[in-house]
Amino acid sequence: MPLLVNGARVDLARPTGDMIRAHPHLEEKAKLLRSQPAQIVEPKGLLYVQQREFAVTTPKDGSVSILGSDDATTCHIVVLRHTGSGATCLTHCDGSDTEAEVSLIMSSVKSFSNSTGCGRLEVHLVGGFNDDRQLSQKLTNQLLRAFDLQPEDVHLVTFCVTELNDREEQDIHFPIIYGIAVNVKTAEIFPATFPEKGPDEDLRSAHGLTGAPLTNIYDAKTEQLRIGPYFWGPFPHVDFWLKQDDAQILQNLSTSPLAEPPHFVSHIRSTLTFLKEHPFPSRSLFPDRKPRIYKKNEEGLWEQVCSDKI
C-alpha cells in the first residue's frame, strides 16, 4: 500500500507544492517545528547517526533514549516509527540509493514490530532547502516515491523539507533546521545540535566519504554500537585535497558551499587526514575482521568493550 496523508494517498504526479496546499496541516506542523530553537543534546543516552548511517531501537532500550543527526544541508533526516511497538529508526540520507535505503529502514522497523497487532508506520522527513542545483527537491521526490512503493501503508506525519525548510538572506538560501533528534520513549521530534558525535567520528565519516552504502550501526537487542569492519583502498588524490585552502575544499567537496555549517571544512580535513593515515583499514583498523564495539557505561556514555568479552 502507498504513502498516505490523513488516510488519503499522496498524488506524486503533482508538484510537492500542490501536496502542501492540499494538506495545510503539514505546513502548519513544519512551521511549528521551524519555530523551535535547536536544543543542545548532551552525550548521555544519545546515539548520534552520521550521513549514510541508520539506527533503530525501541522504548525498552535501557541505554539509548535519543537518536539524532545534524549537518544536513541538501541531505534529509528521516525518522520512521511504528506507533504500536514504538520501534524508531533515524537515518541521514544523501540521495545515493534512496529506494534501497527506504526498503532497509522499513525492514529494520518491521523486525521489531511484527508481533505487534496494533499501530501504524509513521514517517517524518526533515531537511534540505531551495538550493541552486535543486538537489534537495530531487531527494524529497525520491523519498516520497520510495515510501509510496512500499507494500505497507506509511503515514506521512512531518514534512519539513526543501521549500518548507528554507530561509533567504541577501539572496542566499539556507536550511532553517540542520539537525533533529527523536526521543525514542516519547516520540517527540525536535531541532537539535550535538556537541559530541562519536565514538569513532573520523572512522565513520571516512566510511561514508569512500562511498559506503547505508549502514546499520546499532544492535538494539544487545544495546551495542557496532562500527565496522570497514574496508577501502587509498583515497584518490588525498594529498592534493589536503593541500587546498578552505575555499577550494568548500567549493569542491560540498553539495551546497554557501549553506554549510562553519565546521564543515575542518570536519572534511579531519576525515581526509584519517583516510591518509589509514589507506588500508583492513591492516591498521580491522586486522581481525571484527567490529569496534561500544556499550553505554553507568554515566550513559559510550565505552569500548573487547570483542572477546561479548
Foldseek 3Di string as FASTA:
>chain_A
DFEDEPRHHDDLVDAVVVVCVVPVVQLVVLVVQLPDDAAEDELFQEAEAEALEKEKAALVQPQHFKYKYFQFELWKWKWKAWPQGLIIMIHIYQPPPQLVVVVVVVVVRCVRCVPGPDTFIEMAIAHYEQAPVCSSVVVVSSNNVSRGPDPGYYYYDHDCTYHNQWDDDPNDIEGSAGMWMAGSNPRDIHRHDYPDRDDVLLVVVLLVVQPHHRYYQADSVVQKGWADPGWDAQDPPLVVLLPDDQVVCLVPVDPHSVHGPPCVSVSVNSNSVVSVVCRTCCPVPNVVRGTFMWHQDPSSHTDTDDPVVD
